[in-house]
Amino acid sequence: MDFQFDATTDGRPIKIVSVVDEHTRECLGGLADRSITAEVLIDELDRLAYGGQLPGGRLQNSHLQFLKQTGAKCSP
C-alpha cells in the first residue's frame, strides 16, 4: 500500500492510494480522491480481501498496524 499526495493546477489537494502485490508487482486496486478517510480505505481493503484480490484474503501486519494507528476499526 502506497500513499501519494499531490495538487491539481488550481492548488486543490488530491490523495492517491495504490495497493500493489509485492511479489508480482500487480496493481490490485487503488483510490484517488480529494479526501480518503480511514473508513473509505478500510472498505476498499475489505473489498479487495474478500473479493479474492489480496493473496490469501489477508492484510499484511503493517497495513493493520497503520489502520490501528489511525484509530480505525477493521475486521481481521
Protein backbone atom coordinates (compact mmCIF):
# COMPACT_ATOMS: atom_id res chain seq x y z
CA MET A 1 0.00 0.00 0.00
CA ASP A 2 1.43 3.34 -1.01
CA PHE A 3 0.13 6.84 -0.35
CA GLN A 4 0.77 9.78 -2.64
CA PHE A 5 -0.22 13.39 -2.19
CA ASP A 6 -0.35 15.99 -4.94
CA ALA A 7 -2.27 19.07 -6.01
CA THR A 8 -4.17 19.99 -9.14
CA THR A 9 -3.19 23.06 -11.17
CA ASP A 10 -5.66 25.16 -9.19
CA GLY A 11 -3.90 24.16 -5.93
CA ARG A 12 -6.55 21.78 -4.61
CA PRO A 13 -5.10 18.66 -2.92
CA ILE A 14 -5.52 15.15 -4.29
CA LYS A 15 -4.72 11.89 -2.50
CA ILE A 16 -3.86 8.59 -4.18
CA VAL A 17 -3.64 5.13 -2.60
CA SER A 18 -2.16 2.24 -4.58
CA VAL A 19 -2.37 -1.40 -3.50
CA VAL A 20 0.33 -3.47 -5.20
CA ASP A 21 1.24 -7.15 -4.77
CA GLU A 22 4.87 -7.03 -3.67
CA HIS A 23 5.65 -10.38 -5.30
CA THR A 24 4.08 -10.00 -8.75
CA ARG A 25 4.07 -6.17 -8.80
CA GLU A 26 0.47 -6.37 -9.97
CA CYS A 27 -1.73 -3.42 -9.08
CA LEU A 28 -4.63 -4.90 -7.11
CA GLY A 29 -6.56 -1.69 -6.59
CA GLY A 30 -6.46 1.88 -5.52
CA LEU A 31 -8.24 5.09 -4.76
CA ALA A 32 -7.89 8.67 -5.92
CA ASP A 33 -9.91 11.46 -4.36
CA ARG A 34 -9.68 14.83 -2.64
CA SER A 35 -10.22 13.12 0.70
CA ILE A 36 -9.66 9.47 1.61
CA THR A 37 -10.83 8.67 5.12
CA ALA A 38 -9.79 5.61 7.10
CA GLU A 39 -13.33 4.28 6.69
CA VAL A 40 -13.15 4.53 2.88
CA LEU A 41 -9.71 2.91 2.87
CA ILE A 42 -10.90 0.03 5.05
CA ASP A 43 -13.88 -0.52 2.74
CA GLU A 44 -11.52 -0.72 -0.27
CA LEU A 45 -9.16 -3.13 1.51
CA ASP A 46 -12.10 -5.27 2.62
CA ARG A 47 -13.40 -5.31 -0.96
CA LEU A 48 -10.01 -6.47 -2.20
CA ALA A 49 -9.54 -9.03 0.58
CA TYR A 50 -13.00 -10.58 0.44
CA GLY A 51 -13.25 -10.26 -3.34
CA GLY A 52 -10.21 -12.51 -3.67
CA GLN A 53 -7.84 -9.81 -4.91
CA LEU A 54 -5.43 -9.97 -1.97
CA PRO A 55 -3.30 -13.14 -1.72
CA GLY A 56 -4.77 -15.37 0.96
CA GLY A 57 -7.50 -12.82 1.66
CA ARG A 58 -5.41 -11.29 4.46
CA LEU A 59 -3.97 -7.88 5.07
CA GLN A 60 -0.31 -7.64 5.98
CA ASN A 61 0.52 -6.77 9.58
CA SER A 62 1.95 -3.41 8.51
CA HIS A 63 -1.39 -2.48 6.93
CA LEU A 64 -3.33 -3.49 10.03
CA GLN A 65 -0.87 -1.61 12.23
CA PHE A 66 -1.35 1.54 10.11
CA LEU A 67 -5.12 1.28 10.34
CA LYS A 68 -4.97 0.78 14.11
CA GLN A 69 -2.75 3.86 14.46
CA THR A 70 -5.38 5.93 12.66
CA GLY A 71 -7.95 4.77 15.21
CA ALA A 72 -9.90 2.87 12.59
CA LYS A 73 -11.70 -0.37 13.32
CA CYS A 74 -11.23 -3.19 10.84
CA SER A 75 -12.26 -6.80 10.56
CA PRO A 76 -9.44 -9.40 10.67
